[in-house]
Amino acid sequence: MEVKEKHKDSIAEAFANPERITHALVQGVHDALLKHKQTGNPVVVWRDGKIVWLKPEEIPVHS
């Protein structure tokens, strides 16, 4: 399987920029939550020491 390079930065350069990593993680979570909401799938969250299922309409997705 051929891997296509999305970014020209080396791994060391990418890890040297914590803001970039944080942004990528936040964007990934946002995209996953949005996809779940759009497809009508619930998600699991941790609240007050317990596992809680969120219905699609309860999923907080900010634009």
C-alpha atoms as a PDB file:
ATOM      1  CA  MET A   1       0.000   0.000   0.000  1.00  0.00           C
ATOM      2  CA  GLU A   2       1.394   3.354  -1.022  1.00  0.00           C
ATOM      3  CA  VAL A   3       1.280   6.108   1.606  1.00  0.00           C
ATOM      4  CA  LYS A   4       0.687   9.601   0.250  1.00  0.00           C
ATOM      5  CA  GLU A   5       2.405  12.423   2.061  1.00  0.00           C
ATOM      6  CA  LYS A   6      -0.059  15.114   3.191  1.00  0.00           C
ATOM      7  CA  HIS A   7       2.512  17.408   4.730  1.00  0.00           C
ATOM      8  CA  LYS A   8       6.105  18.043   3.828  1.00  0.00           C
ATOM      9  CA  ASP A   9       7.141  18.490   7.474  1.00  0.00           C
ATOM     10  CA  SER A  10       9.225  15.767   9.028  1.00  0.00           C
ATOM     11  CA  ILE A  11       7.893  14.006  12.099  1.00  0.00           C
ATOM     12  CA  ALA A  12      10.384  15.839  14.300  1.00  0.00           C
ATOM     13  CA  GLU A  13       9.260  19.209  12.938  1.00  0.00           C
ATOM     14  CA  ALA A  14       5.605  18.336  13.459  1.00  0.00           C
ATOM     15  CA  PHE A  15       6.172  17.303  17.073  1.00  0.00           C
ATOM     16  CA  ALA A  16       8.175  20.474  17.671  1.00  0.00           C
ATOM     17  CA  ASN A  17       5.009  22.520  17.166  1.00  0.00           C
ATOM     18  CA  PRO A  18       2.570  21.726  20.021  1.00  0.00           C
ATOM     19  CA  GLU A  19       0.008  24.261  18.799  1.00  0.00           C
ATOM     20  CA  ARG A  20      -0.196  22.474  15.463  1.00  0.00           C
ATOM     21  CA  ILE A  21      -0.647  19.104  17.171  1.00  0.00           C
ATOM     22  CA  THR A  22      -3.353  20.485  19.466  1.00  0.00           C
ATOM     23  CA  HIS A  23      -5.169  22.042  16.514  1.00  0.00           C
ATOM     24  CA  ALA A  24      -5.068  18.747  14.593  1.00  0.00           C
ATOM     25  CA  LEU A  25      -6.445  16.817  17.580  1.00  0.00           C
ATOM     26  CA  VAL A  26      -9.222  19.338  18.212  1.00  0.00           C
ATOM     27  CA  GLN A  27     -10.156  19.299  14.521  1.00  0.00           C
ATOM     28  CA  GLY A  28     -10.189  15.496  14.459  1.00  0.00           C
ATOM     29  CA  VAL A  29     -12.505  15.276  17.473  1.00  0.00           C
ATOM     30  CA  HIS A  30     -14.783  17.943  15.990  1.00  0.00           C
ATOM     31  CA  ASP A  31     -14.967  16.094  12.676  1.00  0.00           C
ATOM     32  CA  ALA A  32     -15.738  12.779  14.405  1.00  0.00           C
ATOM     33  CA  LEU A  33     -18.488  14.319  16.553  1.00  0.00           C
ATOM     34  CA  LEU A  34     -20.007  16.053  13.544  1.00  0.00           C
ATOM     35  CA  LYS A  35     -19.992  12.834  11.517  1.00  0.00           C
ATOM     36  CA  HIS A  36     -21.713  10.952  14.358  1.00  0.00           C
ATOM     37  CA  LYS A  37     -24.319  13.696  14.694  1.00  0.00           C
ATOM     38  CA  GLN A  38     -24.969  13.815  10.925  1.00  0.00           C
ATOM     39  CA  THR A  39     -25.311  10.045  10.597  1.00  0.00           C
ATOM     40  CA  GLY A  40     -27.517   9.711  13.663  1.00  0.00           C
ATOM     41  CA  ASN A  41     -25.050   7.720  15.754  1.00  0.00           C
ATOM     42  CA  PRO A  42     -24.637   8.228  19.499  1.00  0.00           C
ATOM     43  CA  VAL A  43     -21.286   8.810  21.197  1.00  0.00           C
ATOM     44  CA  VAL A  44     -19.987   7.847  24.621  1.00  0.00           C
ATOM     45  CA  VAL A  45     -18.567  10.451  27.015  1.00  0.00           C
ATOM     46  CA  TRP A  46     -17.226  10.356  30.559  1.00  0.00           C
ATOM     47  CA  ARG A  47     -19.231  12.490  33.034  1.00  0.00           C
ATOM     48  CA  ASP A  48     -18.872  12.576  36.801  1.00  0.00           C
ATOM     49  CA  GLY A  49     -16.997   9.281  36.828  1.00  0.00           C
ATOM     50  CA  LYS A  50     -19.591   7.481  34.699  1.00  0.00           C
ATOM     51  CA  ILE A  51     -20.015   6.440  31.092  1.00  0.00           C
ATOM     52  CA  VAL A  52     -22.855   8.376  29.427  1.00  0.00           C
ATOM     53  CA  TRP A  53     -24.309   7.806  25.961  1.00  0.00           C
ATOM     54  CA  LEU A  54     -25.202  11.010  24.094  1.00  0.00           C
ATOM     55  CA  LYS A  55     -27.979  10.867  21.524  1.00  0.00           C
ATOM     56  CA  PRO A  56     -27.067  12.478  18.192  1.00  0.00           C
ATOM     57  CA  GLU A  57     -29.152  15.569  18.998  1.00  0.00           C
ATOM     58  CA  GLU A  58     -27.228  15.974  22.281  1.00  0.00           C
ATOM     59  CA  ILE A  59     -23.780  15.940  20.678  1.00  0.00           C
ATOM     60  CA  PRO A  60     -22.181  19.367  21.098  1.00  0.00           C
ATOM     61  CA  VAL A  61     -20.682  20.428  17.783  1.00  0.00           C
ATOM     62  CA  HIS A  62     -19.561  24.026  17.368  1.00  0.00           C
ATOM     63  CA  SER A  63     -19.010  25.615  13.967  1.00  0.00           C
END
